[in-house]
Amino acid sequence: MISMDESPLPNIIGFLALASYIATLIPTILRIVFPQTKETGIPQWLLKRRRVIGVMAFFLALGHGFLMVQKRNFDFFDIKTFWIYIQGVSTFIIFTLLSITSNNWSVKKLKKNWKQLHKLTYVAMVVLIWHIWDKMSGHWTYLTPISLAAITIITVLFVIRLWIEYQSKQQKNAAKVAKPDLVGKGIR
């Protein structure tokens, strides 16, 4: 029989951080993968609040990390500690960078680099699957399967989104090539 542990506070906060993070990914995925959801207003509502939700995800992740460090009494001068928790540390560093630059001033100063920097969120998405699986294997709580399912589904939907965007780009490029150049023939 499968037994599940009770969710301690750090795991609950980690789950809330994950849910908030997923909420930042949903608007664009819904707009592209499920365009009919535009009519509901949910993607627009989430899009308007994306930065605030992302910063909230950061602070929840900070709380999760703080409580885990406190609970496990980590030795920060031991390289093995960093190797064991590389997924959590990596995700936290990404969330920190995204959180610090989630403001209008950063958008203006970084310009195109801001979008490039915020693409790190997709790296975090994949690392989070690894983090949840690795850290919870052997002592799953009721939140573990929900967390894994949610981040895996959003990752699969992200890949579908990329595929749709790729196909759309290919169709646009094909249409440009197929369109005759009438400017050089005297037709204006």
C-alpha atoms as a PDB file:
ATOM      1  CA  MET A   1       0.000   0.000   0.000  1.00  0.00           C
ATOM      2  CA  ILE A   2       1.206   3.493  -0.840  1.00  0.00           C
ATOM      3  CA  SER A   3       1.565   5.814   2.107  1.00  0.00           C
ATOM      4  CA  MET A   4       1.955   9.550   1.907  1.00  0.00           C
ATOM      5  CA  ASP A   5       3.506  11.836   4.461  1.00  0.00           C
ATOM      6  CA  GLU A   6       1.740  14.860   5.839  1.00  0.00           C
ATOM      7  CA  SER A   7       2.774  18.100   4.135  1.00  0.00           C
ATOM      8  CA  PRO A   8       5.022  20.197   6.365  1.00  0.00           C
ATOM      9  CA  LEU A   9       4.851  24.008   6.156  1.00  0.00           C
ATOM     10  CA  PRO A  10       7.921  24.357   3.870  1.00  0.00           C
ATOM     11  CA  ASN A  11       6.274  22.007   1.345  1.00  0.00           C
ATOM     12  CA  ILE A  12       2.988  23.899   1.493  1.00  0.00           C
ATOM     13  CA  ILE A  13       4.814  27.184   0.865  1.00  0.00           C
ATOM     14  CA  GLY A  14       6.779  25.526  -1.953  1.00  0.00           C
ATOM     15  CA  PHE A  15       3.511  24.317  -3.467  1.00  0.00           C
ATOM     16  CA  LEU A  16       2.054  27.841  -3.279  1.00  0.00           C
ATOM     17  CA  ALA A  17       5.224  29.187  -4.931  1.00  0.00           C
ATOM     18  CA  LEU A  18       4.815  26.629  -7.717  1.00  0.00           C
ATOM     19  CA  ALA A  19       1.127  27.491  -8.185  1.00  0.00           C
ATOM     20  CA  SER A  20       1.975  31.206  -8.383  1.00  0.00           C
ATOM     21  CA  TYR A  21       4.770  30.515 -10.848  1.00  0.00           C
ATOM     22  CA  ILE A  22       2.457  28.434 -13.041  1.00  0.00           C
ATOM     23  CA  ALA A  23      -0.050  31.305 -12.979  1.00  0.00           C
ATOM     24  CA  THR A  24       2.611  33.505 -14.614  1.00  0.00           C
ATOM     25  CA  LEU A  25       3.040  30.996 -17.448  1.00  0.00           C
ATOM     26  CA  ILE A  26      -0.642  30.421 -18.162  1.00  0.00           C
ATOM     27  CA  PRO A  27      -1.650  33.635 -20.042  1.00  0.00           C
ATOM     28  CA  THR A  28       0.593  33.177 -23.080  1.00  0.00           C
ATOM     29  CA  ILE A  29       0.047  29.428 -23.204  1.00  0.00           C
ATOM     30  CA  LEU A  30      -3.734  29.875 -23.118  1.00  0.00           C
ATOM     31  CA  ARG A  31      -3.607  32.612 -25.773  1.00  0.00           C
ATOM     32  CA  ILE A  32      -1.665  30.430 -28.205  1.00  0.00           C
ATOM     33  CA  VAL A  33      -2.696  26.847 -27.417  1.00  0.00           C
ATOM     34  CA  PHE A  34      -6.321  27.570 -26.517  1.00  0.00           C
ATOM     35  CA  PRO A  35      -7.182  30.836 -28.343  1.00  0.00           C
ATOM     36  CA  GLN A  36     -10.876  30.496 -27.464  1.00  0.00           C
ATOM     37  CA  THR A  37      -9.997  31.257 -23.822  1.00  0.00           C
ATOM     38  CA  LYS A  38      -9.494  34.920 -24.777  1.00  0.00           C
ATOM     39  CA  GLU A  39     -13.253  35.331 -24.529  1.00  0.00           C
ATOM     40  CA  THR A  40     -13.240  34.338 -20.846  1.00  0.00           C
ATOM     41  CA  GLY A  41     -10.992  37.216 -19.846  1.00  0.00           C
ATOM     42  CA  ILE A  42      -8.862  34.937 -17.648  1.00  0.00           C
ATOM     43  CA  PRO A  43      -5.662  35.250 -19.735  1.00  0.00           C
ATOM     44  CA  GLN A  44      -5.993  39.045 -19.812  1.00  0.00           C
ATOM     45  CA  TRP A  45      -6.610  39.189 -16.050  1.00  0.00           C
ATOM     46  CA  LEU A  46      -3.547  37.035 -15.348  1.00  0.00           C
ATOM     47  CA  LEU A  47      -1.443  38.949 -17.881  1.00  0.00           C
ATOM     48  CA  LYS A  48      -2.171  42.270 -16.164  1.00  0.00           C
ATOM     49  CA  ARG A  49      -1.042  40.793 -12.852  1.00  0.00           C
ATOM     50  CA  ARG A  50       1.806  38.611 -14.138  1.00  0.00           C
ATOM     51  CA  ARG A  51       4.625  40.632 -12.585  1.00  0.00           C
ATOM     52  CA  VAL A  52       2.948  40.838  -9.176  1.00  0.00           C
ATOM     53  CA  ILE A  53       2.187  37.120  -9.229  1.00  0.00           C
ATOM     54  CA  GLY A  54       5.798  36.409 -10.262  1.00  0.00           C
ATOM     55  CA  VAL A  55       7.180  38.494  -7.400  1.00  0.00           C
ATOM     56  CA  MET A  56       4.772  36.696  -5.069  1.00  0.00           C
ATOM     57  CA  ALA A  57       6.119  33.359  -6.386  1.00  0.00           C
ATOM     58  CA  PHE A  58       9.640  34.581  -5.587  1.00  0.00           C
ATOM     59  CA  PHE A  59       8.768  35.501  -2.000  1.00  0.00           C
ATOM     60  CA  LEU A  60       6.986  32.189  -1.489  1.00  0.00           C
ATOM     61  CA  ALA A  61      10.049  30.378  -2.907  1.00  0.00           C
ATOM     62  CA  LEU A  62      12.207  32.455  -0.555  1.00  0.00           C
ATOM     63  CA  GLY A  63      10.037  31.354   2.373  1.00  0.00           C
ATOM     64  CA  HIS A  64      10.206  27.737   1.214  1.00  0.00           C
ATOM     65  CA  GLY A  65      13.993  27.901   0.912  1.00  0.00           C
ATOM     66  CA  PHE A  66      14.436  29.687   4.241  1.00  0.00           C
ATOM     67  CA  LEU A  67      12.345  27.122   6.100  1.00  0.00           C
ATOM     68  CA  MET A  68      14.166  24.242   4.399  1.00  0.00           C
ATOM     69  CA  VAL A  69      17.577  25.703   5.291  1.00  0.00           C
ATOM     70  CA  GLN A  70      16.402  26.217   8.851  1.00  0.00           C
ATOM     71  CA  LYS A  71      14.913  22.703   9.086  1.00  0.00           C
ATOM     72  CA  ARG A  72      17.908  20.882   7.616  1.00  0.00           C
ATOM     73  CA  ASN A  73      20.616  23.112   9.143  1.00  0.00           C
ATOM     74  CA  PHE A  74      22.628  23.330   5.897  1.00  0.00           C
ATOM     75  CA  ASP A  75      26.367  23.790   5.908  1.00  0.00           C
ATOM     76  CA  PHE A  76      26.868  26.469   3.263  1.00  0.00           C
ATOM     77  CA  PHE A  77      30.624  25.911   3.242  1.00  0.00           C
ATOM     78  CA  ASP A  78      30.236  22.298   2.120  1.00  0.00           C
ATOM     79  CA  ILE A  79      30.269  21.895  -1.677  1.00  0.00           C
ATOM     80  CA  LYS A  80      28.251  18.671  -1.336  1.00  0.00           C
ATOM     81  CA  THR A  81      25.339  20.721   0.022  1.00  0.00           C
ATOM     82  CA  PHE A  82      25.224  22.828  -3.117  1.00  0.00           C
ATOM     83  CA  TRP A  83      25.458  19.764  -5.341  1.00  0.00           C
ATOM     84  CA  ILE A  84      22.609  18.021  -3.492  1.00  0.00           C
ATOM     85  CA  TYR A  85      20.374  21.086  -3.734  1.00  0.00           C
ATOM     86  CA  ILE A  86      21.538  22.381  -7.131  1.00  0.00           C
ATOM     87  CA  GLN A  87      18.018  22.316  -8.618  1.00  0.00           C
ATOM     88  CA  GLY A  88      16.498  24.358  -5.809  1.00  0.00           C
ATOM     89  CA  VAL A  89      19.409  26.810  -5.740  1.00  0.00           C
ATOM     90  CA  SER A  90      19.322  27.184  -9.548  1.00  0.00           C
ATOM     91  CA  THR A  91      15.595  27.799  -9.585  1.00  0.00           C
ATOM     92  CA  PHE A  92      15.908  30.278  -6.735  1.00  0.00           C
ATOM     93  CA  ILE A  93      18.666  32.197  -8.563  1.00  0.00           C
ATOM     94  CA  ILE A  94      16.476  32.377 -11.679  1.00  0.00           C
ATOM     95  CA  PHE A  95      13.477  33.526  -9.635  1.00  0.00           C
ATOM     96  CA  THR A  96      15.676  36.161  -7.959  1.00  0.00           C
ATOM     97  CA  LEU A  97      16.856  37.564 -11.302  1.00  0.00           C
ATOM     98  CA  LEU A  98      13.318  37.607 -12.680  1.00  0.00           C
ATOM     99  CA  SER A  99      11.933  39.204  -9.542  1.00  0.00           C
ATOM    100  CA  ILE A 100      14.572  41.932  -9.399  1.00  0.00           C
ATOM    101  CA  THR A 101      13.922  42.853 -13.037  1.00  0.00           C
ATOM    102  CA  SER A 102      10.118  42.695 -12.883  1.00  0.00           C
ATOM    103  CA  ASN A 103       9.633  46.448 -13.004  1.00  0.00           C
ATOM    104  CA  ASN A 104       9.257  49.175 -15.622  1.00  0.00           C
ATOM    105  CA  TRP A 105      12.709  50.635 -14.919  1.00  0.00           C
ATOM    106  CA  SER A 106      14.376  47.287 -15.762  1.00  0.00           C
ATOM    107  CA  VAL A 107      12.293  46.917 -18.921  1.00  0.00           C
ATOM    108  CA  LYS A 108      13.476  50.380 -20.088  1.00  0.00           C
ATOM    109  CA  LYS A 109      17.120  49.866 -19.130  1.00  0.00           C
ATOM    110  CA  LEU A 110      17.507  46.305 -20.427  1.00  0.00           C
ATOM    111  CA  LYS A 111      15.350  46.761 -23.574  1.00  0.00           C
ATOM    112  CA  LYS A 112      15.614  43.598 -25.720  1.00  0.00           C
ATOM    113  CA  ASN A 113      17.828  41.955 -23.110  1.00  0.00           C
ATOM    114  CA  TRP A 114      14.906  42.066 -20.661  1.00  0.00           C
ATOM    115  CA  LYS A 115      12.937  39.604 -22.803  1.00  0.00           C
ATOM    116  CA  GLN A 116      16.011  37.412 -23.190  1.00  0.00           C
ATOM    117  CA  LEU A 117      16.579  37.409 -19.420  1.00  0.00           C
ATOM    118  CA  HIS A 118      12.951  36.558 -18.712  1.00  0.00           C
ATOM    119  CA  LYS A 119      13.177  33.533 -20.997  1.00  0.00           C
ATOM    120  CA  LEU A 120      15.051  31.952 -18.076  1.00  0.00           C
ATOM    121  CA  THR A 121      11.603  31.233 -16.675  1.00  0.00           C
ATOM    122  CA  TYR A 122      11.384  28.333 -19.123  1.00  0.00           C
ATOM    123  CA  VAL A 123      14.646  26.892 -17.803  1.00  0.00           C
ATOM    124  CA  ALA A 124      13.181  27.122 -14.292  1.00  0.00           C
ATOM    125  CA  MET A 125      10.123  25.231 -15.507  1.00  0.00           C
ATOM    126  CA  VAL A 126      12.189  22.188 -16.455  1.00  0.00           C
ATOM    127  CA  VAL A 127      14.465  22.395 -13.409  1.00  0.00           C
ATOM    128  CA  LEU A 128      11.406  22.484 -11.134  1.00  0.00           C
ATOM    129  CA  ILE A 129      10.245  19.089 -12.424  1.00  0.00           C
ATOM    130  CA  TRP A 130      13.651  17.670 -11.517  1.00  0.00           C
ATOM    131  CA  HIS A 131      13.628  19.478  -8.145  1.00  0.00           C
ATOM    132  CA  ILE A 132      10.204  18.191  -7.100  1.00  0.00           C
ATOM    133  CA  TRP A 133      10.873  14.643  -8.282  1.00  0.00           C
ATOM    134  CA  ASP A 134      14.332  14.439  -6.709  1.00  0.00           C
ATOM    135  CA  LYS A 135      13.533  16.020  -3.363  1.00  0.00           C
ATOM    136  CA  MET A 136      10.196  14.315  -2.815  1.00  0.00           C
ATOM    137  CA  SER A 137      11.070  10.810  -4.015  1.00  0.00           C
ATOM    138  CA  GLY A 138      10.721   8.401  -1.148  1.00  0.00           C
ATOM    139  CA  HIS A 139       8.524  10.635   0.987  1.00  0.00           C
ATOM    140  CA  TRP A 140       5.697  11.996  -1.114  1.00  0.00           C
ATOM    141  CA  THR A 141       3.035  14.166   0.429  1.00  0.00           C
ATOM    142  CA  TYR A 142      -0.435  14.756  -0.993  1.00  0.00           C
ATOM    143  CA  LEU A 143       0.938  17.849  -2.706  1.00  0.00           C
ATOM    144  CA  THR A 144       3.695  15.989  -4.575  1.00  0.00           C
ATOM    145  CA  PRO A 145       1.586  14.334  -7.317  1.00  0.00           C
ATOM    146  CA  ILE A 146      -0.419  17.543  -7.769  1.00  0.00           C
ATOM    147  CA  SER A 147       2.808  19.539  -8.075  1.00  0.00           C
ATOM    148  CA  LEU A 148       4.397  17.109 -10.519  1.00  0.00           C
ATOM    149  CA  ALA A 149       1.245  16.879 -12.621  1.00  0.00           C
ATOM    150  CA  ALA A 150       0.792  20.658 -12.718  1.00  0.00           C
ATOM    151  CA  ILE A 151       4.379  21.510 -13.702  1.00  0.00           C
ATOM    152  CA  THR A 152       4.522  18.630 -16.205  1.00  0.00           C
ATOM    153  CA  ILE A 153       1.241  19.669 -17.837  1.00  0.00           C
ATOM    154  CA  ILE A 154       2.335  23.297 -18.088  1.00  0.00           C
ATOM    155  CA  THR A 155       5.669  22.153 -19.575  1.00  0.00           C
ATOM    156  CA  VAL A 156       3.923  19.972 -22.163  1.00  0.00           C
ATOM    157  CA  LEU A 157       1.585  22.871 -23.014  1.00  0.00           C
ATOM    158  CA  PHE A 158       4.651  25.103 -23.362  1.00  0.00           C
ATOM    159  CA  VAL A 159       6.187  22.661 -25.859  1.00  0.00           C
ATOM    160  CA  ILE A 160       2.872  22.620 -27.762  1.00  0.00           C
ATOM    161  CA  ARG A 161       2.936  26.430 -27.715  1.00  0.00           C
ATOM    162  CA  LEU A 162       6.452  26.407 -29.203  1.00  0.00           C
ATOM    163  CA  TRP A 163       5.318  23.980 -31.894  1.00  0.00           C
ATOM    164  CA  ILE A 164       2.311  26.150 -32.809  1.00  0.00           C
ATOM    165  CA  GLU A 165       4.503  29.264 -32.945  1.00  0.00           C
ATOM    166  CA  TYR A 166       7.042  27.412 -35.102  1.00  0.00           C
ATOM    167  CA  GLN A 167       4.359  26.244 -37.541  1.00  0.00           C
ATOM    168  CA  SER A 168       2.869  29.732 -37.711  1.00  0.00           C
ATOM    169  CA  LYS A 169       6.283  31.201 -38.494  1.00  0.00           C
ATOM    170  CA  GLN A 170       6.879  28.587 -41.185  1.00  0.00           C
ATOM    171  CA  GLN A 171       3.510  29.395 -42.783  1.00  0.00           C
ATOM    172  CA  LYS A 172       4.280  33.122 -42.780  1.00  0.00           C
ATOM    173  CA  ASN A 173       7.682  32.511 -44.355  1.00  0.00           C
ATOM    174  CA  ALA A 174       6.124  30.243 -46.988  1.00  0.00           C
ATOM    175  CA  ALA A 175       3.513  32.910 -47.771  1.00  0.00           C
ATOM    176  CA  LYS A 176       6.262  35.533 -48.241  1.00  0.00           C
ATOM    177  CA  VAL A 177       8.152  33.286 -50.637  1.00  0.00           C
ATOM    178  CA  ALA A 178       5.003  32.431 -52.605  1.00  0.00           C
ATOM    179  CA  LYS A 179       3.957  36.092 -52.936  1.00  0.00           C
ATOM    180  CA  PRO A 180       5.274  37.482 -56.258  1.00  0.00           C
ATOM    181  CA  ASP A 181       7.384  40.620 -56.225  1.00  0.00           C
ATOM    182  CA  LEU A 182       5.115  43.033 -58.091  1.00  0.00           C
ATOM    183  CA  VAL A 183       7.085  46.196 -57.209  1.00  0.00           C
ATOM    184  CA  GLY A 184       9.878  45.469 -59.706  1.00  0.00           C
ATOM    185  CA  LYS A 185       7.392  44.844 -62.560  1.00  0.00           C
ATOM    186  CA  GLY A 186       5.947  48.342 -62.608  1.00  0.00           C
ATOM    187  CA  ILE A 187       2.775  47.423 -60.726  1.00  0.00           C
ATOM    188  CA  ARG A 188       2.215  49.573 -57.669  1.00  0.00           C
END
